[in-house]
Amino acid sequence: MQDAEINDCPMPEPFRAKITITLFAAWLFYLGFVTRVMFAPLMPAIEQDLKISHSQAGSLFLMMSIGYLIAPLCSGLISSKINHRGTLNISAWAVGLALIPFAFVKNIWIIRLLLMIIGLAAGIHLPSAIATITAEIKKEDWGKALSVHQSAPPLSFVSAPLIAALLMNWLTWRIVLLTWSAAALLTALAYSLKGKGGDFPGRIPNLGNVKYIAGKPSFWIMVILFAMAMGGNAGIYAMLPLFLVTDHGMELTKANTLIGLSQLSGLIMVFAAGWITDKIGQKPAMAVTLLTAGISTFLLGILKDQWLVIIIFIQPALLSSFFLRHLVLCHALLRHP
């Protein structure tokens, strides 16, 4: 890093002194993440209202994922121009504003474009948030701060279906999204006026470093494994409400409540995963996890009634434990391929 860039960075302080920055970043992350996953529990109502097929419904999630894929590729360029705080600000405003047109838009191509914007806007948050937290807080407190920030995804998976189940008792899916838009925009306004931290520029990706990492076979192994796990986790989560409602005749509120509660098993399993991994090792633990997760995902498609409910709770627990092992093993393989 150049001297000018070092001087731009803040002096790290203890976690207690910067807890407000961490909590604000975590709340922004939570709002953006819920915005992304909220469409899954609403999809049966969206599909019925727009009169679209299951494949068209799946394409909506694909467009959001494409936006989220593009985000890390351009986040460094954005933050280098407007600082990390500006990037977090833009992300919050864009997520909230992109939800407003859903109140009246019916054209599926416009909806696809809006979902790509949401994926892009939500995706640029994470790199700038991590950079802000690790620059503002002392290294010995990174674990606490990052744990607070990274609690947003599992909490989103649990709460989004429950929020949808509650609000859909009185509101249409369009008004649910408009309500969430209001919450996101109020938070964006609060961050614009009171938010602190991240007042330093990001760095444009170094092509040499990218080439070095991409040249490691272990990196691509981790990419493939992570993609498989994400498909079984976020992919199944996205289509599961639609599957339960249309194929199993489950009432939408019941389906969303069931899915929301099932995600709690993932939170619990993360703690057990560390103990199991210590006992049998990283690679055997990952192999067993992927095997059992694959079997449980297969069973989702063939089981019925109470057996289906049981496997709905088991499947996310297995995949959640995989991500913890993946992060540790990925770090180890990249250092010692």
Protein backbone atom coordinates (compact mmCIF):
# COMPACT_ATOMS: atom_id res chain seq x y z
CA MET A 1 0.00 0.00 0.00
CA GLN A 2 1.25 3.43 -0.85
CA ASP A 3 2.03 5.99 1.87
CA ALA A 4 -0.82 8.23 0.80
CA GLU A 5 -3.28 5.37 1.18
CA ILE A 6 -1.92 4.50 4.63
CA ASN A 7 -2.35 8.10 5.80
CA ASP A 8 -5.96 8.07 4.62
CA CYS A 9 -6.85 5.15 6.89
CA PRO A 10 -8.12 5.89 10.42
CA MET A 11 -6.27 5.00 13.60
CA PRO A 12 -7.72 1.66 14.84
CA GLU A 13 -9.46 1.79 18.22
CA PRO A 14 -10.91 -0.83 20.61
CA PHE A 15 -14.24 -2.45 19.72
CA ARG A 16 -16.10 -0.62 22.50
CA ALA A 17 -15.10 2.74 21.08
CA LYS A 18 -16.35 1.80 17.60
CA ILE A 19 -19.36 -0.35 18.47
CA THR A 20 -21.75 2.19 16.92
CA ILE A 21 -19.99 1.92 13.56
CA THR A 22 -20.17 -1.87 13.72
CA LEU A 23 -23.85 -1.96 14.67
CA PHE A 24 -24.77 0.55 11.96
CA ALA A 25 -22.89 -1.47 9.34
CA ALA A 26 -24.53 -4.69 10.57
CA TRP A 27 -27.99 -3.11 10.38
CA LEU A 28 -27.34 -1.89 6.83
CA PHE A 29 -26.15 -5.40 5.93
CA TYR A 30 -29.26 -6.91 7.47
CA LEU A 31 -31.62 -4.59 5.58
CA GLY A 32 -29.92 -5.32 2.27
CA PHE A 33 -29.77 -9.05 2.89
CA VAL A 34 -33.43 -9.27 3.90
CA THR A 35 -34.31 -7.31 0.76
CA ARG A 36 -32.63 -10.02 -1.30
CA VAL A 37 -34.13 -13.03 0.48
CA MET A 38 -37.57 -11.48 1.05
CA PHE A 39 -38.57 -12.32 -2.52
CA ALA A 40 -38.44 -16.06 -1.77
CA PRO A 41 -41.31 -16.11 0.76
CA LEU A 42 -43.27 -13.66 -1.40
CA MET A 43 -42.73 -15.57 -4.66
CA PRO A 44 -45.95 -17.67 -4.57
CA ALA A 45 -47.97 -14.45 -4.35
CA ILE A 46 -45.78 -12.76 -6.98
CA GLU A 47 -46.13 -15.69 -9.37
CA GLN A 48 -49.91 -15.73 -8.99
CA ASP A 49 -50.26 -11.96 -9.39
CA LEU A 50 -47.99 -11.69 -12.44
CA LYS A 51 -49.24 -14.99 -13.90
CA ILE A 52 -45.74 -16.27 -14.56
CA SER A 53 -44.40 -19.83 -14.68
CA HIS A 54 -42.06 -21.52 -12.20
CA SER A 55 -39.15 -21.11 -14.61
CA GLN A 56 -39.86 -17.39 -14.97
CA ALA A 57 -40.00 -17.11 -11.19
CA GLY A 58 -36.61 -18.82 -10.98
CA SER A 59 -35.20 -16.39 -13.53
CA LEU A 60 -35.98 -13.52 -11.16
CA PHE A 61 -33.59 -14.96 -8.58
CA LEU A 62 -31.02 -15.50 -11.34
CA MET A 63 -31.09 -11.80 -12.24
CA MET A 64 -30.57 -10.81 -8.62
CA SER A 65 -27.64 -13.22 -8.38
CA ILE A 66 -26.08 -11.76 -11.54
CA GLY A 67 -26.21 -8.31 -9.95
CA TYR A 68 -24.67 -9.68 -6.76
CA LEU A 69 -21.93 -11.36 -8.82
CA ILE A 70 -21.03 -8.11 -10.59
CA ALA A 71 -20.86 -6.16 -7.32
CA PRO A 72 -17.50 -7.42 -5.96
CA LEU A 73 -15.90 -6.86 -9.35
CA CYS A 74 -16.67 -3.14 -9.30
CA SER A 75 -16.81 -2.40 -5.55
CA GLY A 76 -13.12 -1.46 -5.41
CA LEU A 77 -13.52 1.01 -8.25
CA ILE A 78 -16.58 2.60 -6.62
CA SER A 79 -15.04 2.90 -3.15
CA SER A 80 -11.81 4.31 -4.62
CA LYS A 81 -13.84 7.23 -6.02
CA ILE A 82 -16.34 7.94 -3.19
CA ASN A 83 -14.68 6.29 -0.15
CA HIS A 84 -16.07 3.28 1.74
CA ARG A 85 -18.58 5.44 3.61
CA GLY A 86 -19.93 6.76 0.32
CA THR A 87 -20.20 3.22 -1.02
CA LEU A 88 -22.16 2.08 2.04
CA ASN A 89 -24.38 5.12 1.63
CA ILE A 90 -25.03 4.48 -2.07
CA SER A 91 -25.78 0.82 -1.32
CA ALA A 92 -28.37 1.69 1.33
CA TRP A 93 -30.14 4.31 -0.81
CA ALA A 94 -30.14 2.16 -3.96
CA VAL A 95 -31.64 -0.86 -2.16
CA GLY A 96 -34.48 1.23 -0.75
CA LEU A 97 -35.20 3.14 -3.97
CA ALA A 98 -35.16 0.01 -6.14
CA LEU A 99 -38.02 -1.46 -4.11
CA ILE A 100 -40.42 1.43 -4.76
CA PRO A 101 -41.33 0.53 -8.39
CA PHE A 102 -42.52 -2.91 -7.25
CA ALA A 103 -45.64 -1.17 -5.95
CA PHE A 104 -46.93 -0.77 -9.52
CA VAL A 105 -44.64 -2.48 -12.08
CA LYS A 106 -46.04 -5.57 -13.83
CA ASN A 107 -43.64 -6.04 -16.76
CA ILE A 108 -41.41 -8.99 -15.95
CA TRP A 109 -38.40 -7.55 -17.80
CA ILE A 110 -38.53 -4.36 -15.72
CA ILE A 111 -38.81 -6.51 -12.59
CA ARG A 112 -35.75 -8.49 -13.68
CA LEU A 113 -33.81 -5.26 -14.17
CA LEU A 114 -34.87 -4.00 -10.73
CA LEU A 115 -33.76 -7.26 -9.13
CA MET A 116 -30.37 -7.01 -10.82
CA ILE A 117 -30.02 -3.48 -9.40
CA ILE A 118 -30.96 -4.77 -5.94
CA GLY A 119 -28.35 -7.53 -6.20
CA LEU A 120 -25.70 -5.04 -7.31
CA ALA A 121 -26.62 -2.47 -4.65
CA ALA A 122 -26.67 -5.03 -1.84
CA GLY A 123 -23.46 -6.63 -3.09
CA ILE A 124 -21.25 -3.55 -2.89
CA HIS A 125 -21.97 -3.24 0.86
CA LEU A 126 -19.89 -6.17 2.09
CA PRO A 127 -16.40 -5.26 0.78
CA SER A 128 -16.67 -1.69 2.07
CA ALA A 129 -18.18 -2.76 5.39
CA ILE A 130 -15.38 -5.28 6.05
CA ALA A 131 -12.75 -2.71 5.03
CA THR A 132 -14.32 -0.11 7.33
CA ILE A 133 -14.57 -2.42 10.34
CA THR A 134 -11.02 -3.78 10.01
CA ALA A 135 -9.60 -0.26 9.55
CA GLU A 136 -11.55 1.38 12.38
CA ILE A 137 -11.12 -1.39 14.98
CA LYS A 138 -7.97 -2.92 16.45
CA LYS A 139 -6.96 -6.28 15.06
CA GLU A 140 -7.40 -8.09 18.36
CA ASP A 141 -11.09 -7.07 18.33
CA TRP A 142 -11.82 -8.03 14.73
CA GLY A 143 -13.42 -11.30 15.82
CA LYS A 144 -16.05 -9.53 17.93
CA ALA A 145 -16.79 -6.86 15.35
CA LEU A 146 -16.97 -9.18 12.36
CA SER A 147 -19.14 -11.64 14.30
CA VAL A 148 -21.64 -8.85 14.93
CA HIS A 149 -21.62 -7.81 11.28
CA GLN A 150 -21.79 -11.37 9.90
CA SER A 151 -24.78 -12.22 12.10
CA ALA A 152 -26.92 -10.41 9.50
CA PRO A 153 -27.19 -13.27 6.92
CA PRO A 154 -28.38 -16.04 9.29
CA LEU A 155 -30.75 -13.61 11.02
CA SER A 156 -32.08 -12.59 7.59
CA PHE A 157 -32.77 -16.19 6.59
CA VAL A 158 -34.68 -16.71 9.85
CA SER A 159 -36.57 -13.42 9.97
CA ALA A 160 -37.46 -12.77 6.30
CA PRO A 161 -40.01 -15.61 6.03
CA LEU A 162 -41.46 -14.72 9.44
CA ILE A 163 -41.79 -11.04 8.47
CA ALA A 164 -43.46 -12.06 5.21
CA ALA A 165 -45.79 -14.48 7.00
CA LEU A 166 -46.83 -11.75 9.43
CA LEU A 167 -47.31 -8.92 6.94
CA MET A 168 -49.02 -11.04 4.28
CA ASN A 169 -51.94 -11.48 6.69
CA TRP A 170 -52.90 -7.85 6.01
CA LEU A 171 -50.88 -6.59 3.04
CA THR A 172 -50.26 -7.55 -0.57
CA TRP A 173 -46.76 -8.53 -1.64
CA ARG A 174 -46.35 -5.13 -3.29
CA ILE A 175 -47.16 -3.23 -0.10
CA VAL A 176 -44.86 -5.54 1.89
CA LEU A 177 -41.96 -4.51 -0.37
CA LEU A 178 -43.00 -0.86 -0.19
CA THR A 179 -43.04 -1.08 3.62
CA TRP A 180 -39.56 -2.59 3.62
CA SER A 181 -38.45 0.13 1.21
CA ALA A 182 -39.55 2.76 3.73
CA ALA A 183 -37.47 1.07 6.46
CA ALA A 184 -34.43 0.90 4.17
CA LEU A 185 -34.73 4.54 3.09
CA LEU A 186 -35.14 5.80 6.66
CA THR A 187 -31.98 3.91 7.61
CA ALA A 188 -30.17 5.31 4.56
CA LEU A 189 -31.19 8.82 5.61
CA ALA A 190 -30.01 8.21 9.17
CA TYR A 191 -26.67 6.91 7.89
CA SER A 192 -26.28 9.91 5.59
CA LEU A 193 -26.83 12.28 8.52
CA LYS A 194 -25.22 10.43 11.43
CA GLY A 195 -23.16 7.58 10.02
CA LYS A 196 -19.44 7.55 10.77
CA GLY A 197 -16.45 5.53 9.67
CA GLY A 198 -15.16 4.53 6.28
CA ASP A 199 -13.94 8.02 5.33
CA PHE A 200 -11.05 6.64 3.30
CA PRO A 201 -10.83 5.29 -0.26
CA GLY A 202 -10.85 1.70 -1.37
CA ARG A 203 -8.31 0.21 -3.72
CA ILE A 204 -8.80 -0.81 -7.33
CA PRO A 205 -8.14 -4.59 -7.65
CA ASN A 206 -4.54 -5.44 -8.50
CA LEU A 207 -4.51 -7.67 -11.57
CA GLY A 208 -1.26 -9.25 -10.44
CA ASN A 209 -2.81 -10.41 -7.18
CA VAL A 210 -5.89 -11.69 -9.02
CA LYS A 211 -3.72 -13.70 -11.39
CA TYR A 212 -1.71 -15.12 -8.48
CA ILE A 213 -4.81 -16.32 -6.61
CA ALA A 214 -6.57 -17.57 -9.76
CA GLY A 215 -3.49 -19.64 -10.59
CA LYS A 216 -3.89 -21.81 -7.51
CA PRO A 217 -5.84 -25.06 -8.14
CA SER A 218 -6.93 -25.04 -4.49
CA PHE A 219 -8.73 -21.73 -5.09
CA TRP A 220 -10.89 -23.24 -7.85
CA ILE A 221 -11.63 -26.30 -5.74
CA MET A 222 -12.96 -24.02 -3.03
CA VAL A 223 -14.95 -22.00 -5.59
CA ILE A 224 -16.66 -25.15 -6.91
CA LEU A 225 -17.42 -26.47 -3.42
CA PHE A 226 -18.74 -23.08 -2.32
CA ALA A 227 -20.93 -22.81 -5.44
CA MET A 228 -22.39 -26.26 -4.76
CA ALA A 229 -23.14 -25.34 -1.16
CA MET A 230 -24.66 -21.99 -2.10
CA GLY A 231 -26.88 -23.69 -4.65
CA GLY A 232 -28.12 -26.08 -1.99
CA ASN A 233 -28.54 -23.31 0.56
CA ALA A 234 -29.68 -20.04 -1.05
CA GLY A 235 -30.99 -21.78 -4.18
CA ILE A 236 -33.24 -24.17 -2.28
CA TYR A 237 -34.27 -21.40 0.11
CA ALA A 238 -35.34 -19.20 -2.81
CA MET A 239 -37.66 -21.79 -4.38
CA LEU A 240 -38.81 -23.71 -1.29
CA PRO A 241 -41.85 -21.52 -0.46
CA LEU A 242 -43.10 -21.88 -4.03
CA PHE A 243 -42.49 -25.64 -3.89
CA LEU A 244 -44.40 -26.07 -0.64
CA VAL A 245 -47.35 -23.97 -1.77
CA THR A 246 -47.78 -25.24 -5.33
CA ASP A 247 -46.64 -28.88 -5.01
CA HIS A 248 -47.72 -29.69 -1.47
CA GLY A 249 -50.74 -27.39 -1.15
CA MET A 250 -49.38 -25.72 1.98
CA GLU A 251 -50.85 -22.39 3.00
CA LEU A 252 -48.38 -19.53 2.32
CA THR A 253 -48.24 -18.24 5.91
CA LYS A 254 -47.61 -21.76 7.23
CA ALA A 255 -44.90 -22.39 4.62
CA ASN A 256 -43.05 -19.17 5.44
CA THR A 257 -43.30 -19.77 9.19
CA LEU A 258 -41.95 -23.29 8.76
CA ILE A 259 -39.03 -22.12 6.59
CA GLY A 260 -38.18 -19.28 8.96
CA LEU A 261 -38.10 -21.57 11.99
CA SER A 262 -36.10 -24.22 10.09
CA GLN A 263 -33.25 -21.73 9.59
CA LEU A 264 -32.69 -21.71 13.36
CA SER A 265 -31.20 -25.19 13.02
CA GLY A 266 -28.44 -23.67 10.92
CA LEU A 267 -27.54 -21.20 13.65
CA ILE A 268 -27.36 -23.99 16.23
CA MET A 269 -25.36 -26.32 13.99
CA VAL A 270 -22.62 -23.74 13.41
CA PHE A 271 -21.51 -24.13 17.03
CA ALA A 272 -21.54 -27.93 16.87
CA ALA A 273 -19.64 -27.89 13.57
CA GLY A 274 -16.50 -26.52 15.20
CA TRP A 275 -16.41 -29.35 17.76
CA ILE A 276 -17.04 -32.03 15.12
CA THR A 277 -14.34 -30.61 12.85
CA ASP A 278 -11.78 -30.65 15.66
CA LYS A 279 -12.52 -34.34 16.20
CA ILE A 280 -12.32 -35.67 12.64
CA GLY A 281 -10.46 -32.94 10.70
CA GLN A 282 -11.40 -30.33 8.09
CA LYS A 283 -11.47 -32.36 4.88
CA PRO A 284 -13.34 -35.42 6.27
CA ALA A 285 -15.84 -33.08 7.93
CA MET A 286 -16.47 -31.23 4.66
CA ALA A 287 -16.84 -34.48 2.73
CA VAL A 288 -19.38 -35.86 5.21
CA THR A 289 -21.24 -32.56 5.27
CA LEU A 290 -21.53 -32.31 1.47
CA LEU A 291 -22.61 -35.95 1.20
CA THR A 292 -25.31 -35.69 3.86
CA ALA A 293 -26.42 -32.27 2.56
CA GLY A 294 -26.78 -33.75 -0.94
CA ILE A 295 -28.84 -36.65 0.38
CA SER A 296 -31.08 -34.33 2.41
CA THR A 297 -31.59 -32.05 -0.61
CA PHE A 298 -32.59 -35.10 -2.70
CA LEU A 299 -35.05 -36.15 0.01
CA LEU A 300 -36.72 -32.73 -0.10
CA GLY A 301 -38.05 -33.64 -3.52
CA ILE A 302 -39.54 -37.03 -2.62
CA LEU A 303 -40.68 -36.92 1.02
CA LYS A 304 -44.12 -35.80 2.16
CA ASP A 305 -46.03 -34.74 5.28
CA GLN A 306 -44.12 -34.94 8.58
CA TRP A 307 -41.02 -36.46 6.96
CA LEU A 308 -40.78 -33.47 4.67
CA VAL A 309 -41.00 -31.13 7.65
CA ILE A 310 -38.18 -33.01 9.40
CA ILE A 311 -35.87 -32.83 6.38
CA ILE A 312 -36.63 -29.10 5.94
CA PHE A 313 -35.05 -28.59 9.39
CA ILE A 314 -32.11 -30.92 8.75
CA GLN A 315 -30.99 -29.65 5.33
CA PRO A 316 -30.10 -26.02 6.27
CA ALA A 317 -28.29 -27.23 9.39
CA LEU A 318 -25.95 -29.40 7.33
CA LEU A 319 -25.16 -26.68 4.81
CA SER A 320 -24.67 -23.97 7.45
CA SER A 321 -22.01 -26.09 9.12
CA PHE A 322 -20.29 -26.48 5.75
CA PHE A 323 -19.72 -22.73 5.36
CA LEU A 324 -17.81 -22.52 8.64
CA ARG A 325 -15.50 -25.36 7.57
CA HIS A 326 -15.18 -23.88 4.08
CA LEU A 327 -13.86 -20.55 5.36
CA VAL A 328 -11.22 -22.21 7.53
CA LEU A 329 -10.09 -24.70 4.88
CA CYS A 330 -10.11 -22.08 2.12
CA HIS A 331 -7.79 -19.89 4.18
CA ALA A 332 -5.47 -22.82 4.86
CA LEU A 333 -5.34 -24.00 1.25
CA LEU A 334 -4.63 -20.54 -0.13
CA ARG A 335 -1.72 -20.18 2.29
CA HIS A 336 -0.40 -23.74 1.84
CA PRO A 337 -1.72 -25.15 -1.47
